[in-house]
Each structure stands twice: as structure tokens, then as C-alpha cells.
């Protein structure tokens, strides 16, 4: 499973940590039937009967009937400060890798490889 960040936290903002809170993430959260090019957005929700129980839903329509309500926030995974710093350094290489197509200009692959090496 690959988790990604939608909202990048500001360096000066303190993250609120709720003791005892936990999140349920279905094992198939990244799997969608073949042919779905634009899957629905995943929904981070909190349980109505237990405010410390969060769940990531694959389909927004499942939230209410499961006894949860959407938080309005995005889930990007859990990162320690050192993991976050490594991830930020990798962003240019990830973007460069995604930009490589079958008909790119000469030297595009070399440029992408240079970004990847610099991120390590």
C-alpha cells in the first residue's frame, strides 16, 4: 500500500496528538476494480460512539452507514521527523520519474536519474 500526502504541514505548526487515538485502515484500501480510472476520494472518518477511533474509508458512501462521520481532513500516513525529511528530499525525484514517458526529449532519463541519486 502506498500512502501519500495531500496537505503538507507547515514547519512552524505544532501537530496535535490525541493520546489513545487509533486508525483502522482496510488492507484493500488501494485496490479498485480494473477499469476505474478515477477512484473516489478516500475518506478519513471518526466513529460517532468512540471519538478516538478513526477509520479510512475507500468509498465515501460507506461512512455514514458504518456509524462514522467524515473529519474533513486527509490522511497522509504517519511520519517521524526524520522520515518526513527524507520524503521531502525525494519529492523532486518522484516528480521527475513520473514525468518520463516514451516520447520525452533526449536527456530526460539522465536528468531524472540525477534527481533520484541526489535524493538518496
PDB file of N, CA and C in Angstrom:
ATOM      1  N   UNK A   1       0.840  -1.182   0.000  1.00  0.00           N
ATOM      2  CA  UNK A   1       0.000   0.000   0.000  1.00  0.00           C
ATOM      3  C   UNK A   1       0.876   1.232   0.000  1.00  0.00           C
ATOM      4  N   UNK A   2       0.509   2.214  -0.775  1.00  0.00           N
ATOM      5  CA  UNK A   2       1.249   3.470  -0.833  1.00  0.00           C
ATOM      6  C   UNK A   2       0.367   4.566  -0.263  1.00  0.00           C
ATOM      7  N   UNK A   3       0.868   5.290   0.711  1.00  0.00           N
ATOM      8  CA  UNK A   3       0.153   6.433   1.267  1.00  0.00           C
ATOM      9  C   UNK A   3       0.847   7.692   0.786  1.00  0.00           C
ATOM     10  N   UNK A   4       0.106   8.727   0.557  1.00  0.00           N
ATOM     11  CA  UNK A   4       0.690   9.960   0.074  1.00  0.00           C
ATOM     12  C   UNK A   4       0.106  11.136   0.836  1.00  0.00           C
ATOM     13  N   UNK A   5       0.792  12.242   0.750  1.00  0.00           N
ATOM     14  CA  UNK A   5       0.373  13.439   1.475  1.00  0.00           C
ATOM     15  C   UNK A   5      -0.431  14.349   0.569  1.00  0.00           C
ATOM     16  N   UNK A   6      -1.519  14.844   1.089  1.00  0.00           N
ATOM     17  CA  UNK A   6      -2.317  15.808   0.346  1.00  0.00           C
ATOM     18  C   UNK A   6      -2.076  17.197   0.931  1.00  0.00           C
ATOM     19  N   UNK A   7      -1.988  17.275   2.229  1.00  0.00           N
ATOM     20  CA  UNK A   7      -1.746  18.552   2.891  1.00  0.00           C
ATOM     21  C   UNK A   7      -0.382  18.490   3.556  1.00  0.00           C
ATOM     22  N   UNK A   8       0.490  19.375   3.182  1.00  0.00           N
ATOM     23  CA  UNK A   8       1.839  19.401   3.736  1.00  0.00           C
ATOM     24  C   UNK A   8       1.837  20.309   4.961  1.00  0.00           C
ATOM     25  N   UNK A   9       2.213  19.781   6.118  1.00  0.00           N
ATOM     26  CA  UNK A   9       2.200  20.624   7.320  1.00  0.00           C
ATOM     27  C   UNK A   9       3.267  21.708   7.265  1.00  0.00           C
ATOM     28  N   UNK A  10       2.939  22.845   7.808  1.00  0.00           N
ATOM     29  CA  UNK A  10       3.900  23.948   7.889  1.00  0.00           C
ATOM     30  C   UNK A  10       4.941  23.616   8.956  1.00  0.00           C
ATOM     31  N   UNK A  11       6.163  24.035   8.743  1.00  0.00           N
ATOM     32  CA  UNK A  11       7.253  23.723   9.670  1.00  0.00           C
ATOM     33  C   UNK A  11       7.009  24.332  11.055  1.00  0.00           C
ATOM     34  N   UNK A  12       6.324  25.466  11.118  1.00  0.00           N
ATOM     35  CA  UNK A  12       6.149  26.152  12.393  1.00  0.00           C
ATOM     36  C   UNK A  12       4.904  25.686  13.156  1.00  0.00           C
ATOM     37  N   UNK A  13       4.111  24.827  12.568  1.00  0.00           N
ATOM     38  CA  UNK A  13       2.867  24.389  13.197  1.00  0.00           C
ATOM     39  C   UNK A  13       3.127  23.160  14.056  1.00  0.00           C
ATOM     40  N   UNK A  14       2.647  23.195  15.302  1.00  0.00           N
ATOM     41  CA  UNK A  14       2.745  22.022  16.171  1.00  0.00           C
ATOM     42  C   UNK A  14       1.612  21.063  15.814  1.00  0.00           C
ATOM     43  N   UNK A  15       1.934  19.794  15.761  1.00  0.00           N
ATOM     44  CA  UNK A  15       0.924  18.793  15.455  1.00  0.00           C
ATOM     45  C   UNK A  15       0.231  18.399  16.744  1.00  0.00           C
ATOM     46  N   UNK A  16      -1.089  18.374  16.733  1.00  0.00           N
ATOM     47  CA  UNK A  16      -1.845  17.933  17.896  1.00  0.00           C
ATOM     48  C   UNK A  16      -1.877  16.407  17.899  1.00  0.00           C
ATOM     49  N   UNK A  17      -1.527  15.823  19.014  1.00  0.00           N
ATOM     50  CA  UNK A  17      -1.547  14.378  19.163  1.00  0.00           C
ATOM     51  C   UNK A  17      -2.581  14.035  20.213  1.00  0.00           C
ATOM     52  N   UNK A  18      -3.527  13.180  19.854  1.00  0.00           N
ATOM     53  CA  UNK A  18      -4.579  12.783  20.780  1.00  0.00           C
ATOM     54  C   UNK A  18      -4.210  11.438  21.392  1.00  0.00           C
ATOM     55  N   UNK A  19      -3.851  11.414  22.673  1.00  0.00           N
ATOM     56  CA  UNK A  19      -3.476  10.151  23.311  1.00  0.00           C
ATOM     57  C   UNK A  19      -4.599   9.123  23.211  1.00  0.00           C
ATOM     58  N   UNK A  20      -4.233   7.894  22.858  1.00  0.00           N
ATOM     59  CA  UNK A  20      -5.202   6.808  22.789  1.00  0.00           C
ATOM     60  C   UNK A  20      -5.954   6.706  21.476  1.00  0.00           C
ATOM     61  N   UNK A  21      -5.770   7.672  20.587  1.00  0.00           N
ATOM     62  CA  UNK A  21      -6.460   7.621  19.300  1.00  0.00           C
ATOM     63  C   UNK A  21      -5.792   6.587  18.410  1.00  0.00           C
ATOM     64  N   UNK A  22      -6.581   5.945  17.555  1.00  0.00           N
ATOM     65  CA  UNK A  22      -6.040   4.959  16.637  1.00  0.00           C
ATOM     66  C   UNK A  22      -6.836   4.990  15.331  1.00  0.00           C
ATOM     67  N   UNK A  23      -6.239   4.454  14.287  1.00  0.00           N
ATOM     68  CA  UNK A  23      -6.886   4.469  12.978  1.00  0.00           C
ATOM     69  C   UNK A  23      -6.952   3.063  12.404  1.00  0.00           C
ATOM     70  N   UNK A  24      -8.076   2.758  11.830  1.00  0.00           N
ATOM     71  CA  UNK A  24      -8.307   1.474  11.168  1.00  0.00           C
ATOM     72  C   UNK A  24      -8.170   1.711   9.666  1.00  0.00           C
ATOM     73  N   UNK A  25      -7.263   0.959   9.045  1.00  0.00           N
ATOM     74  CA  UNK A  25      -7.033   1.102   7.609  1.00  0.00           C
ATOM     75  C   UNK A  25      -7.264  -0.255   6.956  1.00  0.00           C
ATOM     76  N   UNK A  26      -8.289  -0.384   6.128  1.00  0.00           N
ATOM     77  CA  UNK A  26      -8.551  -1.660   5.474  1.00  0.00           C
ATOM     78  C   UNK A  26      -7.362  -2.087   4.602  1.00  0.00           C
ATOM     79  N   UNK A  27      -7.100  -3.397   4.577  1.00  0.00           N
ATOM     80  CA  UNK A  27      -5.970  -3.918   3.805  1.00  0.00           C
ATOM     81  C   UNK A  27      -6.118  -3.649   2.317  1.00  0.00           C
ATOM     82  N   UNK A  28      -7.349  -3.510   1.839  1.00  0.00           N
ATOM     83  CA  UNK A  28      -7.572  -3.302   0.403  1.00  0.00           C
ATOM     84  C   UNK A  28      -7.810  -1.834   0.043  1.00  0.00           C
ATOM     85  N   UNK A  29      -7.353  -0.932   0.873  1.00  0.00           N
ATOM     86  CA  UNK A  29      -7.649   0.496   0.675  1.00  0.00           C
ATOM     87  C   UNK A  29      -7.160   1.027  -0.674  1.00  0.00           C
ATOM     88  N   UNK A  30      -6.121   0.445  -1.238  1.00  0.00           N
ATOM     89  CA  UNK A  30      -5.575   0.941  -2.504  1.00  0.00           C
ATOM     90  C   UNK A  30      -6.066   0.141  -3.703  1.00  0.00           C
ATOM     91  N   UNK A  31      -6.852  -0.905  -3.466  1.00  0.00           N
ATOM     92  CA  UNK A  31      -7.319  -1.757  -4.557  1.00  0.00           C
ATOM     93  C   UNK A  31      -8.674  -1.295  -5.068  1.00  0.00           C
ATOM     94  N   UNK A  32      -8.773  -1.119  -6.376  1.00  0.00           N
ATOM     95  CA  UNK A  32     -10.029  -0.779  -7.023  1.00  0.00           C
ATOM     96  C   UNK A  32     -10.206  -1.717  -8.211  1.00  0.00           C
ATOM     97  N   UNK A  33     -11.439  -1.982  -8.602  1.00  0.00           N
ATOM     98  CA  UNK A  33     -11.662  -2.858  -9.751  1.00  0.00           C
ATOM     99  C   UNK A  33     -10.945  -2.332 -11.002  1.00  0.00           C
ATOM    100  N   UNK A  34     -10.503  -3.251 -11.838  1.00  0.00           N
ATOM    101  CA  UNK A  34      -9.846  -2.877 -13.092  1.00  0.00           C
ATOM    102  C   UNK A  34     -10.818  -2.057 -13.920  1.00  0.00           C
ATOM    103  N   UNK A  35     -10.303  -0.996 -14.509  1.00  0.00           N
ATOM    104  CA  UNK A  35     -11.136  -0.142 -15.354  1.00  0.00           C
ATOM    105  C   UNK A  35     -11.575   1.146 -14.677  1.00  0.00           C
ATOM    106  N   UNK A  36     -11.383   1.256 -13.366  1.00  0.00           N
ATOM    107  CA  UNK A  36     -11.724   2.506 -12.678  1.00  0.00           C
ATOM    108  C   UNK A  36     -10.514   3.425 -12.775  1.00  0.00           C
ATOM    109  N   UNK A  37     -10.642   4.445 -13.629  1.00  0.00           N
ATOM    110  CA  UNK A  37      -9.531   5.371 -13.830  1.00  0.00           C
ATOM    111  C   UNK A  37      -9.493   6.469 -12.786  1.00  0.00           C
ATOM    112  N   UNK A  38     -10.629   6.809 -12.240  1.00  0.00           N
ATOM    113  CA  UNK A  38     -10.716   7.904 -11.283  1.00  0.00           C
ATOM    114  C   UNK A  38     -11.458   7.415 -10.035  1.00  0.00           C
ATOM    115  N   UNK A  39     -10.735   6.731  -9.118  1.00  0.00           N
ATOM    116  CA  UNK A  39     -11.420   6.199  -7.931  1.00  0.00           C
ATOM    117  C   UNK A  39     -11.925   7.324  -7.035  1.00  0.00           C
ATOM    118  N   UNK A  40     -12.963   7.046  -6.254  1.00  0.00           N
ATOM    119  CA  UNK A  40     -13.477   8.079  -5.348  1.00  0.00           C
ATOM    120  C   UNK A  40     -12.431   8.426  -4.295  1.00  0.00           C
ATOM    121  N   UNK A  41     -12.503   9.624  -3.746  1.00  0.00           N
ATOM    122  CA  UNK A  41     -11.523  10.014  -2.728  1.00  0.00           C
ATOM    123  C   UNK A  41     -11.714   9.188  -1.455  1.00  0.00           C
ATOM    124  N   UNK A  42     -10.614   8.797  -0.857  1.00  0.00           N
ATOM    125  CA  UNK A  42     -10.684   8.097   0.424  1.00  0.00           C
ATOM    126  C   UNK A  42     -11.143   9.100   1.484  1.00  0.00           C
ATOM    127  N   UNK A  43     -11.883   8.608   2.461  1.00  0.00           N
ATOM    128  CA  UNK A  43     -12.453   9.494   3.480  1.00  0.00           C
ATOM    129  C   UNK A  43     -11.960   9.100   4.855  1.00  0.00           C
ATOM    130  N   UNK A  44     -11.349  10.046   5.555  1.00  0.00           N
ATOM    131  CA  UNK A  44     -10.950   9.835   6.941  1.00  0.00           C
ATOM    132  C   UNK A  44     -12.135  10.220   7.816  1.00  0.00           C
ATOM    133  N   UNK A  45     -12.590   9.264   8.630  1.00  0.00           N
ATOM    134  CA  UNK A  45     -13.782   9.500   9.456  1.00  0.00           C
ATOM    135  C   UNK A  45     -13.513   9.093  10.894  1.00  0.00           C
ATOM    136  N   UNK A  46     -14.356   9.620  11.789  1.00  0.00           N
ATOM    137  CA  UNK A  46     -14.256   9.306  13.213  1.00  0.00           C
ATOM    138  C   UNK A  46     -15.561   8.634  13.645  1.00  0.00           C
ATOM    139  N   UNK A  47     -15.430   7.654  14.513  1.00  0.00           N
ATOM    140  CA  UNK A  47     -16.577   6.894  14.998  1.00  0.00           C
ATOM    141  C   UNK A  47     -17.467   7.793  15.866  1.00  0.00           C
ATOM    142  N   UNK A  48     -18.774   7.711  15.647  1.00  0.00           N
ATOM    143  CA  UNK A  48     -19.711   8.532  16.416  1.00  0.00           C
ATOM    144  C   UNK A  48     -19.771   8.101  17.882  1.00  0.00           C
ATOM    145  N   UNK A  49     -19.543   6.806  18.161  1.00  0.00           N
ATOM    146  CA  UNK A  49     -19.638   6.322  19.541  1.00  0.00           C
ATOM    147  C   UNK A  49     -18.287   6.270  20.255  1.00  0.00           C
ATOM    148  N   UNK A  50     -17.174   6.430  19.520  1.00  0.00           N
ATOM    149  CA  UNK A  50     -15.837   6.400  20.114  1.00  0.00           C
ATOM    150  C   UNK A  50     -14.951   7.420  19.404  1.00  0.00           C
ATOM    151  N   UNK A  51     -14.830   8.624  19.960  1.00  0.00           N
ATOM    152  CA  UNK A  51     -14.098   9.696  19.279  1.00  0.00           C
ATOM    153  C   UNK A  51     -12.595   9.452  19.120  1.00  0.00           C
ATOM    154  N   UNK A  52     -12.080   8.355  19.662  1.00  0.00           N
ATOM    155  CA  UNK A  52     -10.657   8.038  19.479  1.00  0.00           C
ATOM    156  C   UNK A  52     -10.451   6.995  18.376  1.00  0.00           C
ATOM    157  N   UNK A  53     -11.539   6.510  17.799  1.00  0.00           N
ATOM    158  CA  UNK A  53     -11.484   5.503  16.742  1.00  0.00           C
ATOM    159  C   UNK A  53     -11.699   6.179  15.390  1.00  0.00           C
ATOM    160  N   UNK A  54     -10.654   6.166  14.577  1.00  0.00           N
ATOM    161  CA  UNK A  54     -10.708   6.729  13.234  1.00  0.00           C
ATOM    162  C   UNK A  54     -10.664   5.583  12.228  1.00  0.00           C
ATOM    163  N   UNK A  55     -11.200   5.813  11.068  1.00  0.00           N
ATOM    164  CA  UNK A  55     -11.155   4.795  10.014  1.00  0.00           C
ATOM    165  C   UNK A  55     -11.022   5.477   8.667  1.00  0.00           C
ATOM    166  N   UNK A  56     -10.223   4.875   7.811  1.00  0.00           N
ATOM    167  CA  UNK A  56     -10.067   5.364   6.451  1.00  0.00           C
ATOM    168  C   UNK A  56     -10.996   4.546   5.568  1.00  0.00           C
ATOM    169  N   UNK A  57     -11.923   5.210   4.898  1.00  0.00           N
ATOM    170  CA  UNK A  57     -12.901   4.542   4.056  1.00  0.00           C
ATOM    171  C   UNK A  57     -12.529   4.678   2.590  1.00  0.00           C
ATOM    172  N   UNK A  58     -12.684   3.581   1.881  1.00  0.00           N
ATOM    173  CA  UNK A  58     -12.401   3.552   0.450  1.00  0.00           C
ATOM    174  C   UNK A  58     -13.493   4.293  -0.331  1.00  0.00           C
ATOM    175  N   UNK A  59     -14.724   4.122   0.108  1.00  0.00           N
ATOM    176  CA  UNK A  59     -15.866   4.739  -0.567  1.00  0.00           C
ATOM    177  C   UNK A  59     -16.600   5.665   0.403  1.00  0.00           C
ATOM    178  N   UNK A  60     -16.788   6.934   0.026  1.00  0.00           N
ATOM    179  CA  UNK A  60     -17.458   7.900   0.915  1.00  0.00           C
ATOM    180  C   UNK A  60     -18.868   7.472   1.337  1.00  0.00           C
ATOM    181  N   UNK A  61     -19.561   6.722   0.484  1.00  0.00           N
ATOM    182  CA  UNK A  61     -20.929   6.299   0.809  1.00  0.00           C
ATOM    183  C   UNK A  61     -20.988   5.322   1.982  1.00  0.00           C
ATOM    184  N   UNK A  62     -19.868   4.690   2.320  1.00  0.00           N
ATOM    185  CA  UNK A  62     -19.851   3.707   3.410  1.00  0.00           C
ATOM    186  C   UNK A  62     -19.716   4.339   4.792  1.00  0.00           C
ATOM    187  N   UNK A  63     -19.338   5.585   4.852  1.00  0.00           N
ATOM    188  CA  UNK A  63     -19.019   6.239   6.125  1.00  0.00           C
ATOM    189  C   UNK A  63     -20.216   6.298   7.064  1.00  0.00           C
ATOM    190  N   UNK A  64     -21.298   6.879   6.632  1.00  0.00           N
ATOM    191  CA  UNK A  64     -22.467   7.111   7.489  1.00  0.00           C
ATOM    192  C   UNK A  64     -23.093   5.811   7.977  1.00  0.00           C
ATOM    193  N   UNK A  65     -23.261   4.852   7.079  1.00  0.00           N
ATOM    194  CA  UNK A  65     -23.927   3.599   7.472  1.00  0.00           C
ATOM    195  C   UNK A  65     -23.070   2.747   8.415  1.00  0.00           C
ATOM    196  N   UNK A  66     -21.764   3.049   8.508  1.00  0.00           N
ATOM    197  CA  UNK A  66     -20.884   2.324   9.430  1.00  0.00           C
ATOM    198  C   UNK A  66     -20.832   2.985  10.813  1.00  0.00           C
ATOM    199  N   UNK A  67     -21.570   4.091  10.983  1.00  0.00           N
ATOM    200  CA  UNK A  67     -21.581   4.768  12.279  1.00  0.00           C
ATOM    201  C   UNK A  67     -20.435   5.757  12.449  1.00  0.00           C
ATOM    202  N   UNK A  68     -19.891   6.243  11.358  1.00  0.00           N
ATOM    203  CA  UNK A  68     -18.799   7.214  11.391  1.00  0.00           C
ATOM    204  C   UNK A  68     -19.254   8.518  10.767  1.00  0.00           C
ATOM    205  N   UNK A  69     -18.457   9.551  10.978  1.00  0.00           N
ATOM    206  CA  UNK A  69     -18.706  10.813  10.289  1.00  0.00           C
ATOM    207  C   UNK A  69     -17.377  11.351   9.758  1.00  0.00           C
ATOM    208  N   UNK A  70     -17.402  11.947   8.563  1.00  0.00           N
ATOM    209  CA  UNK A  70     -16.167  12.454   7.956  1.00  0.00           C
ATOM    210  C   UNK A  70     -15.523  13.532   8.821  1.00  0.00           C
ATOM    211  N   UNK A  71     -14.200  13.550   8.834  1.00  0.00           N
ATOM    212  CA  UNK A  71     -13.471  14.566   9.595  1.00  0.00           C
ATOM    213  C   UNK A  71     -13.211  15.813   8.761  1.00  0.00           C
ATOM    214  N   UNK A  72     -13.252  15.663   7.442  1.00  0.00           N
ATOM    215  CA  UNK A  72     -12.904  16.783   6.569  1.00  0.00           C
ATOM    216  C   UNK A  72     -11.400  16.909   6.392  1.00  0.00           C
ATOM    217  N   UNK A  73     -10.644  15.983   6.984  1.00  0.00           N
ATOM    218  CA  UNK A  73      -9.188  16.008   6.878  1.00  0.00           C
ATOM    219  C   UNK A  73      -8.727  14.886   5.945  1.00  0.00           C
ATOM    220  N   UNK A  74      -7.513  15.010   5.453  1.00  0.00           N
ATOM    221  CA  UNK A  74      -6.916  13.977   4.611  1.00  0.00           C
ATOM    222  C   UNK A  74      -5.941  13.163   5.434  1.00  0.00           C
ATOM    223  N   UNK A  75      -5.824  11.893   5.100  1.00  0.00           N
ATOM    224  CA  UNK A  75      -4.879  11.029   5.793  1.00  0.00           C
ATOM    225  C   UNK A  75      -3.680  10.819   4.900  1.00  0.00           C
ATOM    226  N   UNK A  76      -2.499  11.148   5.405  1.00  0.00           N
ATOM    227  CA  UNK A  76      -1.282  11.002   4.614  1.00  0.00           C
ATOM    228  C   UNK A  76      -0.308  10.022   5.212  1.00  0.00           C
ATOM    229  N   UNK A  77      -0.676   9.318   6.240  1.00  0.00           N
ATOM    230  CA  UNK A  77       0.228   8.378   6.878  1.00  0.00           C
ATOM    231  C   UNK A  77       0.825   8.990   8.134  1.00  0.00           C
ATOM    232  N   UNK A  78       1.666   8.237   8.779  1.00  0.00           N
ATOM    233  CA  UNK A  78       2.320   8.703   9.994  1.00  0.00           C
ATOM    234  C   UNK A  78       3.810   8.784   9.709  1.00  0.00           C
ATOM    235  N   UNK A  79       4.379   9.929   9.920  1.00  0.00           N
ATOM    236  CA  UNK A  79       5.794  10.153   9.616  1.00  0.00           C
ATOM    237  C   UNK A  79       6.509  10.714  10.835  1.00  0.00           C
ATOM    238  N   UNK A  80       7.662  10.167  11.123  1.00  0.00           N
ATOM    239  CA  UNK A  80       8.513  10.763  12.150  1.00  0.00           C
ATOM    240  C   UNK A  80       9.212  11.946  11.492  1.00  0.00           C
ATOM    241  N   UNK A  81       9.811  12.853  12.263  1.00  0.00           N
ATOM    242  CA  UNK A  81      10.521  13.976  11.649  1.00  0.00           C
ATOM    243  C   UNK A  81      11.612  13.520  10.672  1.00  0.00           C
ATOM    244  N   UNK A  82      12.336  12.453  10.998  1.00  0.00           N
ATOM    245  CA  UNK A  82      13.399  12.007  10.082  1.00  0.00           C
ATOM    246  C   UNK A  82      12.799  11.401   8.812  1.00  0.00           C
ATOM    247  N   UNK A  83      11.690  10.655   8.932  1.00  0.00           N
ATOM    248  CA  UNK A  83      11.031  10.115   7.742  1.00  0.00           C
ATOM    249  C   UNK A  83      10.504  11.247   6.865  1.00  0.00           C
ATOM    250  N   UNK A  84       9.916  12.256   7.502  1.00  0.00           N
ATOM    251  CA  UNK A  84       9.374  13.393   6.756  1.00  0.00           C
ATOM    252  C   UNK A  84      10.497  14.088   5.979  1.00  0.00           C
ATOM    253  N   UNK A  85      11.636  14.317   6.621  1.00  0.00           N
ATOM    254  CA  UNK A  85      12.754  14.984   5.949  1.00  0.00           C
ATOM    255  C   UNK A  85      13.244  14.179   4.752  1.00  0.00           C
ATOM    256  N   UNK A  86      13.315  12.847   4.879  1.00  0.00           N
ATOM    257  CA  UNK A  86      13.720  12.004   3.752  1.00  0.00           C
ATOM    258  C   UNK A  86      12.687  12.073   2.634  1.00  0.00           C
ATOM    259  N   UNK A  87      11.409  12.062   2.994  1.00  0.00           N
ATOM    260  CA  UNK A  87      10.344  12.128   1.999  1.00  0.00           C
ATOM    261  C   UNK A  87      10.416  13.437   1.210  1.00  0.00           C
ATOM    262  N   UNK A  88      10.609  14.538   1.901  1.00  0.00           N
ATOM    263  CA  UNK A  88      10.677  15.848   1.240  1.00  0.00           C
ATOM    264  C   UNK A  88      11.829  15.879   0.240  1.00  0.00           C
ATOM    265  N   UNK A  89      12.970  15.287   0.587  1.00  0.00           N
ATOM    266  CA  UNK A  89      14.112  15.257  -0.330  1.00  0.00           C
ATOM    267  C   UNK A  89      13.821  14.425  -1.574  1.00  0.00           C
ATOM    268  N   UNK A  90      12.929  13.436  -1.448  1.00  0.00           N
ATOM    269  CA  UNK A  90      12.626  12.558  -2.572  1.00  0.00           C
ATOM    270  C   UNK A  90      11.608  13.139  -3.545  1.00  0.00           C
ATOM    271  N   UNK A  91      10.874  14.160  -3.156  1.00  0.00           N
ATOM    272  CA  UNK A  91       9.802  14.686  -3.997  1.00  0.00           C
ATOM    273  C   UNK A  91      10.286  15.050  -5.403  1.00  0.00           C
ATOM    274  N   UNK A  92      11.397  15.785  -5.579  1.00  0.00           N
ATOM    275  CA  UNK A  92      11.826  16.100  -6.949  1.00  0.00           C
ATOM    276  C   UNK A  92      12.085  14.849  -7.793  1.00  0.00           C
ATOM    277  N   UNK A  93      12.679  13.819  -7.190  1.00  0.00           N
ATOM    278  CA  UNK A  93      12.948  12.611  -7.975  1.00  0.00           C
ATOM    279  C   UNK A  93      11.660  11.876  -8.310  1.00  0.00           C
ATOM    280  N   UNK A  94      10.683  11.887  -7.411  1.00  0.00           N
ATOM    281  CA  UNK A  94       9.402  11.239  -7.708  1.00  0.00           C
ATOM    282  C   UNK A  94       8.692  11.956  -8.852  1.00  0.00           C
ATOM    283  N   UNK A  95       8.730  13.271  -8.831  1.00  0.00           N
ATOM    284  CA  UNK A  95       8.109  14.044  -9.896  1.00  0.00           C
ATOM    285  C   UNK A  95       8.834  13.795 -11.216  1.00  0.00           C
ATOM    286  N   UNK A  96      10.157  13.776 -11.168  1.00  0.00           N
ATOM    287  CA  UNK A  96      10.936  13.528 -12.382  1.00  0.00           C
ATOM    288  C   UNK A  96      10.632  12.146 -12.945  1.00  0.00           C
ATOM    289  N   UNK A  97      10.532  11.148 -12.078  1.00  0.00           N
ATOM    290  CA  UNK A  97      10.252   9.790 -12.540  1.00  0.00           C
ATOM    291  C   UNK A  97       8.886   9.712 -13.209  1.00  0.00           C
ATOM    292  N   UNK A  98       7.883  10.359 -12.625  1.00  0.00           N
ATOM    293  CA  UNK A  98       6.544  10.351 -13.206  1.00  0.00           C
ATOM    294  C   UNK A  98       6.503  11.070 -14.548  1.00  0.00           C
ATOM    295  N   UNK A  99       7.402  12.022 -14.757  1.00  0.00           N
ATOM    296  CA  UNK A  99       7.403  12.813 -15.980  1.00  0.00           C
ATOM    297  C   UNK A  99       7.995  12.062 -17.169  1.00  0.00           C
ATOM    298  N   UNK A 100       8.682  10.966 -16.916  1.00  0.00           N
ATOM    299  CA  UNK A 100       9.320  10.235 -18.004  1.00  0.00           C
ATOM    300  C   UNK A 100       8.266   9.451 -18.775  1.00  0.00           C
ATOM    301  N   UNK A 101       8.191   9.704 -20.060  1.00  0.00           N
ATOM    302  CA  UNK A 101       7.267   8.981 -20.925  1.00  0.00           C
ATOM    303  C   UNK A 101       8.043   8.353 -22.067  1.00  0.00           C
ATOM    304  N   UNK A 102       7.346   7.715 -22.938  1.00  0.00           N
ATOM    305  CA  UNK A 102       8.006   7.056 -24.054  1.00  0.00           C
ATOM    306  C   UNK A 102       8.516   8.005 -25.109  1.00  0.00           C
ATOM    307  N   UNK A 103       8.094   9.253 -25.098  1.00  0.00           N
ATOM    308  CA  UNK A 103       8.490  10.194 -26.145  1.00  0.00           C
ATOM    309  C   UNK A 103       9.100  11.473 -25.569  1.00  0.00           C
ATOM    310  N   UNK A 104       9.839  11.337 -24.478  1.00  0.00           N
ATOM    311  CA  UNK A 104      10.455  12.509 -23.864  1.00  0.00           C
ATOM    312  C   UNK A 104      11.665  12.978 -24.653  1.00  0.00           C
ATOM    313  N   UNK A 105      12.044  14.174 -24.381  1.00  0.00           N
ATOM    314  CA  UNK A 105      13.188  14.778 -25.053  1.00  0.00           C
ATOM    315  C   UNK A 105      14.461  14.028 -24.706  1.00  0.00           C
ATOM    316  N   UNK A 106      15.468  14.102 -25.559  1.00  0.00           N
ATOM    317  CA  UNK A 106      16.745  13.454 -25.253  1.00  0.00           C
ATOM    318  C   UNK A 106      17.318  13.997 -23.937  1.00  0.00           C
ATOM    319  N   UNK A 107      17.811  13.127 -23.106  1.00  0.00           N
ATOM    320  CA  UNK A 107      18.418  13.528 -21.841  1.00  0.00           C
ATOM    321  C   UNK A 107      17.468  13.521 -20.665  1.00  0.00           C
ATOM    322  N   UNK A 108      16.175  13.303 -20.902  1.00  0.00           N
ATOM    323  CA  UNK A 108      15.196  13.328 -19.807  1.00  0.00           C
ATOM    324  C   UNK A 108      15.479  12.220 -18.794  1.00  0.00           C
ATOM    325  N   UNK A 109      15.836  11.048 -19.274  1.00  0.00           N
ATOM    326  CA  UNK A 109      16.124   9.931 -18.369  1.00  0.00           C
ATOM    327  C   UNK A 109      17.353  10.239 -17.520  1.00  0.00           C
ATOM    328  N   UNK A 110      18.395  10.801 -18.126  1.00  0.00           N
ATOM    329  CA  UNK A 110      19.595  11.156 -17.367  1.00  0.00           C
ATOM    330  C   UNK A 110      19.271  12.183 -16.289  1.00  0.00           C
ATOM    331  N   UNK A 111      18.453  13.153 -16.628  1.00  0.00           N
ATOM    332  CA  UNK A 111      18.061  14.181 -15.661  1.00  0.00           C
ATOM    333  C   UNK A 111      17.280  13.563 -14.501  1.00  0.00           C
ATOM    334  N   UNK A 112      16.355  12.667 -14.802  1.00  0.00           N
ATOM    335  CA  UNK A 112      15.576  12.010 -13.751  1.00  0.00           C
ATOM    336  C   UNK A 112      16.480  11.175 -12.853  1.00  0.00           C
ATOM    337  N   UNK A 113      17.415  10.458 -13.446  1.00  0.00           N
ATOM    338  CA  UNK A 113      18.326   9.635 -12.649  1.00  0.00           C
ATOM    339  C   UNK A 113      19.199  10.503 -11.741  1.00  0.00           C
ATOM    340  N   UNK A 114      19.584  11.666 -12.222  1.00  0.00           N
ATOM    341  CA  UNK A 114      20.379  12.593 -11.406  1.00  0.00           C
ATOM    342  C   UNK A 114      19.571  13.026 -10.178  1.00  0.00           C
ATOM    343  N   UNK A 115      18.270  13.350 -10.367  1.00  0.00           N
ATOM    344  CA  UNK A 115      17.406  13.732  -9.241  1.00  0.00           C
ATOM    345  C   UNK A 115      17.280  12.573  -8.245  1.00  0.00           C
ATOM    346  N   UNK A 116      17.116  11.371  -8.771  1.00  0.00           N
ATOM    347  CA  UNK A 116      16.956  10.214  -7.901  1.00  0.00           C
ATOM    348  C   UNK A 116      18.211   9.987  -7.058  1.00  0.00           C
ATOM    349  N   UNK A 117      19.368  10.098  -7.687  1.00  0.00           N
ATOM    350  CA  UNK A 117      20.633   9.910  -6.952  1.00  0.00           C
ATOM    351  C   UNK A 117      20.826  10.986  -5.883  1.00  0.00           C
ATOM    352  N   UNK A 118      20.438  12.219  -6.199  1.00  0.00           N
ATOM    353  CA  UNK A 118      20.581  13.315  -5.233  1.00  0.00           C
ATOM    354  C   UNK A 118      19.673  13.144  -4.030  1.00  0.00           C
ATOM    355  N   UNK A 119      18.551  12.456  -4.198  1.00  0.00           N
ATOM    356  CA  UNK A 119      17.589  12.288  -3.105  1.00  0.00           C
ATOM    357  C   UNK A 119      18.044  11.243  -2.092  1.00  0.00           C
ATOM    358  N   UNK A 120      18.986  10.408  -2.481  1.00  0.00           N
ATOM    359  CA  UNK A 120      19.442   9.334  -1.560  1.00  0.00           C
ATOM    360  C   UNK A 120      20.332   9.840  -0.491  1.00  0.00           C
TER     361      UNK A 120
END
